[in-house]
Amino acid sequence: MRVMVVDDETLARSLMIEHLTKMPNVEVIGQAANGFEAVKLCEELNPELIFLDIQMPKLSGFEVLELLADKAPAVIFCTAFDEYALRAFEVHAVDYLLKPVEPARLVAAVERAGERLRTRAPQPSASELSVAARPPGKTLERVLIRHEGRVHVLPVEKIDYIEAQDDYLSFASSGNHLRKQQTMSDMESQLDPTRFVRIHRSFILNIERLARIDLYGKDSWLAILADGKKLPMSRTGHAKLKELIG
């Protein structure tokens, strides 16, 4: 079994590798100290299983899986905080190990991983992973977007508006546009409803960017943004926006 270890703590990473190298039929093919490095190495090395720390700087373990999406291998989460256990299993993790990891518990987790790989259990969707990356009840704080070979971490407060384009969403921010494969309803459900309003079936607006509303025709309006951009607004969208801004 080809495995990779991802942990920002050098000692924890070294101990895990030491235990794994003693196991028959396990080959440690790589290690990473942060989420960005983990994403890059996973795509290059194609491990069958990763031992993934949940709490890491820059990207959490859940966000690493979101970026890997359908390329994500089987995963065993490792963390010092048992509050993440339920969320780990909600995204179909093979297992969950509490630090410091007990050798016998590690052996059992590896055996479970072998069974998971043999049965080819389905991996979670990107939207499931995005939801799991946040504590329950907390709205989205940033959007992870892969664009032209780079990973962009876009804070939601920097989003001007979101436009649906076929199977993709286009995130407009300060004149730039980044595309991500996700549905409009998924994104709408994750955003703060006091800050973002779906004004049209194809547009979600950050209300802080709104300058004024112009009547365009019968039962249709235009949202005029501070930078002059004009977005169409449906009757339902207009009603929701008026209710929110008073």
Protein backbone atom coordinates (compact mmCIF):
# COMPACT_ATOMS: atom_id res chain seq x y z
CA MET A 1 0.00 0.00 0.00
CA ARG A 2 1.49 3.32 -1.11
CA VAL A 3 1.02 5.89 1.67
CA MET A 4 1.87 9.52 2.35
CA VAL A 5 2.07 11.38 5.68
CA VAL A 6 0.94 15.01 6.02
CA ASP A 7 1.56 16.86 9.29
CA ASP A 8 2.98 20.30 10.06
CA GLU A 9 4.67 18.96 13.22
CA THR A 10 8.05 17.42 12.35
CA LEU A 11 8.12 15.08 15.36
CA ALA A 12 4.62 13.75 14.80
CA ARG A 13 5.39 13.20 11.12
CA SER A 14 8.63 11.36 11.90
CA LEU A 15 7.01 9.10 14.49
CA MET A 16 4.20 8.18 12.12
CA ILE A 17 6.66 7.31 9.37
CA GLU A 18 8.74 5.25 11.81
CA HIS A 19 5.70 3.16 12.77
CA LEU A 20 4.55 2.74 9.17
CA THR A 21 7.92 1.59 7.83
CA LYS A 22 7.80 -1.35 10.25
CA MET A 23 4.59 -2.66 8.72
CA PRO A 24 4.62 -5.27 5.96
CA ASN A 25 3.05 -4.29 2.65
CA VAL A 26 3.22 -0.55 3.48
CA GLU A 27 5.45 1.79 1.49
CA VAL A 28 5.85 5.43 2.60
CA ILE A 29 6.32 7.29 -0.68
CA GLY A 30 6.26 10.87 0.58
CA GLN A 31 5.64 13.38 3.33
CA ALA A 32 4.42 16.97 3.47
CA ALA A 33 4.60 19.67 6.13
CA ASN A 34 1.68 21.83 4.92
CA GLY A 35 -1.51 21.66 2.90
CA PHE A 36 -0.21 23.21 -0.32
CA GLU A 37 2.71 20.80 -0.40
CA ALA A 38 0.33 17.93 0.31
CA VAL A 39 -1.87 18.77 -2.68
CA LYS A 40 1.15 19.01 -5.00
CA LEU A 41 2.71 15.74 -3.81
CA CYS A 42 -0.57 13.82 -3.90
CA GLU A 43 -1.02 14.69 -7.53
CA GLU A 44 2.60 13.84 -8.36
CA LEU A 45 2.97 10.62 -6.35
CA ASN A 46 -0.60 9.29 -6.48
CA PRO A 47 -0.67 7.59 -3.04
CA GLU A 48 -3.41 5.11 -2.24
CA LEU A 49 -3.70 6.35 1.35
CA ILE A 50 -2.75 9.52 3.21
CA PHE A 51 -2.40 10.13 6.93
CA LEU A 52 -3.64 13.70 7.13
CA ASP A 53 -3.42 16.17 10.01
CA ILE A 54 -6.61 18.24 10.29
CA GLN A 55 -5.31 21.43 11.89
CA MET A 56 -2.51 22.94 9.82
CA PRO A 57 -1.59 26.52 8.92
CA LYS A 58 -2.80 27.92 5.58
CA LEU A 59 -4.94 24.89 4.65
CA SER A 60 -6.76 22.44 6.90
CA GLY A 61 -6.82 18.73 6.17
CA PHE A 62 -10.43 19.03 5.01
CA GLU A 63 -9.44 21.78 2.57
CA VAL A 64 -6.61 19.64 1.18
CA LEU A 65 -9.19 17.01 0.27
CA GLU A 66 -11.49 19.62 -1.22
CA LEU A 67 -8.72 20.76 -3.57
CA LEU A 68 -7.87 17.19 -4.54
CA ALA A 69 -11.59 16.48 -5.13
CA ASP A 70 -12.04 13.28 -7.16
CA LYS A 71 -8.27 12.74 -7.18
CA ALA A 72 -8.20 12.36 -3.39
CA PRO A 73 -6.92 9.01 -2.09
CA ALA A 74 -8.33 7.18 0.92
CA VAL A 75 -7.65 9.21 4.07
CA ILE A 76 -6.97 8.59 7.75
CA PHE A 77 -7.23 11.81 9.74
CA CYS A 78 -4.81 12.49 12.58
CA THR A 79 -5.33 15.20 15.18
CA ALA A 80 -4.93 16.03 18.85
CA PHE A 81 -8.58 17.15 19.12
CA ASP A 82 -11.34 14.54 19.24
CA GLU A 83 -14.01 17.15 18.42
CA TYR A 84 -13.21 16.54 14.76
CA ALA A 85 -14.06 12.84 14.86
CA LEU A 86 -17.67 13.12 13.70
CA ARG A 87 -16.80 15.52 10.88
CA ALA A 88 -13.99 13.19 9.79
CA PHE A 89 -16.38 10.28 9.38
CA GLU A 90 -19.01 12.47 7.75
CA VAL A 91 -16.62 12.89 4.82
CA HIS A 92 -16.05 9.14 4.61
CA ALA A 93 -12.62 9.00 6.21
CA VAL A 94 -11.24 5.49 6.54
CA ASP A 95 -10.42 6.17 10.18
CA TYR A 96 -9.55 8.83 12.73
CA LEU A 97 -6.45 8.68 14.92
CA LEU A 98 -6.01 10.74 18.06
CA LYS A 99 -2.50 11.99 18.79
CA PRO A 100 -0.28 10.64 20.20
CA VAL A 101 -1.05 7.67 17.98
CA GLU A 102 -0.92 4.24 19.59
CA PRO A 103 0.88 1.63 17.42
CA ALA A 104 -1.88 -0.98 17.83
CA ARG A 105 -4.52 1.59 16.85
CA LEU A 106 -2.44 2.52 13.79
CA VAL A 107 -2.23 -1.12 12.69
CA ALA A 108 -6.01 -1.43 12.93
CA ALA A 109 -6.46 1.76 10.87
CA VAL A 110 -4.13 0.48 8.14
CA GLU A 111 -6.09 -2.79 8.01
CA ARG A 112 -9.33 -0.82 7.61
CA ALA A 113 -7.71 1.17 4.81
CA GLY A 114 -6.77 -2.02 3.00
CA GLU A 115 -10.38 -3.19 3.18
CA ARG A 116 -11.64 0.19 1.96
CA LEU A 117 -9.32 0.06 -1.03
CA ARG A 118 -10.42 -3.46 -1.90
CA THR A 119 -14.10 -2.49 -1.85
CA ARG A 120 -13.45 0.78 -3.74
CA ALA A 121 -15.75 2.82 -1.49
CA PRO A 122 -16.85 6.17 -2.98
CA GLN A 123 -15.03 9.38 -2.12
CA PRO A 124 -16.85 12.52 -0.86
CA SER A 125 -17.77 15.31 -3.26
CA ALA A 126 -16.01 18.67 -3.22
CA SER A 127 -19.09 20.33 -1.72
CA GLU A 128 -19.24 17.76 1.11
CA LEU A 129 -15.59 18.46 1.91
CA SER A 130 -16.16 22.21 1.80
CA VAL A 131 -18.95 21.91 4.37
CA ALA A 132 -16.82 19.63 6.54
CA ALA A 133 -14.01 22.18 6.54
CA ARG A 134 -16.08 24.44 8.81
CA PRO A 135 -17.53 23.99 12.29
CA PRO A 136 -21.29 23.28 12.26
CA GLY A 137 -23.38 26.40 11.76
CA LYS A 138 -20.47 28.54 10.61
CA THR A 139 -20.73 30.22 7.21
CA LEU A 140 -18.03 30.13 4.56
CA GLU A 141 -15.05 32.41 5.25
CA ARG A 142 -12.95 31.71 2.17
CA VAL A 143 -13.20 29.94 -1.17
CA LEU A 144 -10.47 27.65 -2.48
CA ILE A 145 -10.03 27.90 -6.25
CA ARG A 146 -7.57 26.15 -8.54
CA HIS A 147 -6.86 28.38 -11.52
CA GLU A 148 -4.14 28.03 -14.16
CA GLY A 149 -2.09 25.67 -12.03
CA ARG A 150 -2.28 27.78 -8.87
CA VAL A 151 -4.36 27.53 -5.71
CA HIS A 152 -6.12 30.78 -4.81
CA VAL A 153 -7.48 31.35 -1.31
CA LEU A 154 -10.20 33.98 -1.75
CA PRO A 155 -11.70 35.51 1.43
CA VAL A 156 -15.44 35.95 0.97
CA GLU A 157 -15.28 39.64 1.86
CA LYS A 158 -13.23 40.19 -1.30
CA ILE A 159 -15.90 38.68 -3.56
CA ASP A 160 -17.83 41.28 -5.55
CA TYR A 161 -20.30 38.86 -7.11
CA ILE A 162 -20.58 35.25 -8.28
CA GLU A 163 -21.86 34.30 -11.72
CA ALA A 164 -23.03 30.87 -12.87
CA GLN A 165 -21.41 29.79 -16.15
CA ASP A 166 -22.53 26.34 -17.31
CA ASP A 167 -21.09 23.87 -14.75
CA TYR A 168 -18.80 26.49 -13.22
CA LEU A 169 -19.02 29.51 -10.97
CA SER A 170 -17.07 32.66 -11.79
CA PHE A 171 -15.94 34.65 -8.74
CA ALA A 172 -15.45 38.35 -9.49
CA SER A 173 -12.99 40.14 -7.21
CA SER A 174 -11.38 43.53 -7.90
CA GLY A 175 -11.63 43.08 -11.65
CA ASN A 176 -10.33 39.51 -11.62
CA HIS A 177 -12.40 36.42 -12.40
CA LEU A 178 -11.66 32.95 -11.02
CA ARG A 179 -13.64 29.86 -12.03
CA LYS A 180 -14.53 26.85 -9.92
CA GLN A 181 -16.65 23.79 -10.69
CA GLN A 182 -19.52 24.00 -8.22
CA THR A 183 -23.26 24.57 -8.30
CA MET A 184 -24.94 27.86 -7.47
CA SER A 185 -27.19 26.27 -4.85
CA ASP A 186 -24.21 24.69 -3.06
CA MET A 187 -22.42 28.03 -2.87
CA GLU A 188 -25.53 29.97 -1.85
CA SER A 189 -26.17 27.58 1.05
CA GLN A 190 -22.67 28.13 2.45
CA LEU A 191 -22.53 31.94 2.32
CA ASP A 192 -23.68 34.36 5.02
CA PRO A 193 -27.27 35.29 3.99
CA THR A 194 -26.92 38.71 5.63
CA ARG A 195 -24.05 39.59 3.27
CA PHE A 196 -24.75 37.67 0.06
CA VAL A 197 -28.03 37.60 -1.87
CA ARG A 198 -28.97 35.58 -4.92
CA ILE A 199 -30.46 38.36 -7.01
CA HIS A 200 -30.91 36.26 -10.15
CA ARG A 201 -30.70 32.57 -11.01
CA SER A 202 -27.19 33.25 -12.35
CA PHE A 203 -25.90 35.87 -9.89
CA ILE A 204 -25.08 36.12 -6.18
CA LEU A 205 -24.25 39.64 -5.00
CA ASN A 206 -22.10 40.85 -2.12
CA ILE A 207 -24.41 43.61 -0.89
CA GLU A 208 -21.46 45.71 0.28
CA ARG A 209 -20.65 46.29 -3.42
CA LEU A 210 -24.13 47.60 -4.24
CA ALA A 211 -24.30 51.29 -5.19
CA ARG A 212 -27.94 51.53 -6.35
CA ILE A 213 -30.85 49.68 -7.95
CA ASP A 214 -32.20 50.83 -11.34
CA LEU A 215 -35.51 49.83 -12.90
CA TYR A 216 -34.81 48.06 -16.20
CA GLY A 217 -38.24 46.92 -17.32
CA LYS A 218 -41.47 45.51 -16.01
CA ASP A 219 -40.61 43.24 -13.07
CA SER A 220 -36.87 43.53 -13.77
CA TRP A 221 -34.12 45.65 -12.27
CA LEU A 222 -30.37 46.18 -12.50
CA ALA A 223 -28.03 46.09 -9.53
CA ILE A 224 -25.41 48.78 -10.11
CA LEU A 225 -22.16 48.05 -8.31
CA ALA A 226 -19.74 50.63 -6.95
CA ASP A 227 -17.38 49.97 -9.88
CA GLY A 228 -20.18 50.51 -12.42
CA LYS A 229 -20.82 46.84 -13.17
CA LYS A 230 -24.48 46.09 -13.94
CA LEU A 231 -26.06 42.81 -12.85
CA PRO A 232 -29.57 41.63 -13.80
CA MET A 233 -32.04 41.18 -10.99
CA SER A 234 -35.18 39.07 -11.01
CA ARG A 235 -38.40 39.98 -9.22
CA THR A 236 -37.65 37.41 -6.51
CA GLY A 237 -34.07 38.63 -6.23
CA HIS A 238 -35.21 42.23 -5.97
CA ALA A 239 -37.64 41.35 -3.17
CA LYS A 240 -34.93 39.48 -1.22
CA LEU A 241 -32.47 42.33 -1.61
CA LYS A 242 -34.98 45.01 -0.60
CA GLU A 243 -35.93 42.99 2.46
CA LEU A 244 -32.30 42.71 3.48
CA ILE A 245 -31.24 46.32 2.95
CA GLY A 246 -34.54 47.81 4.03
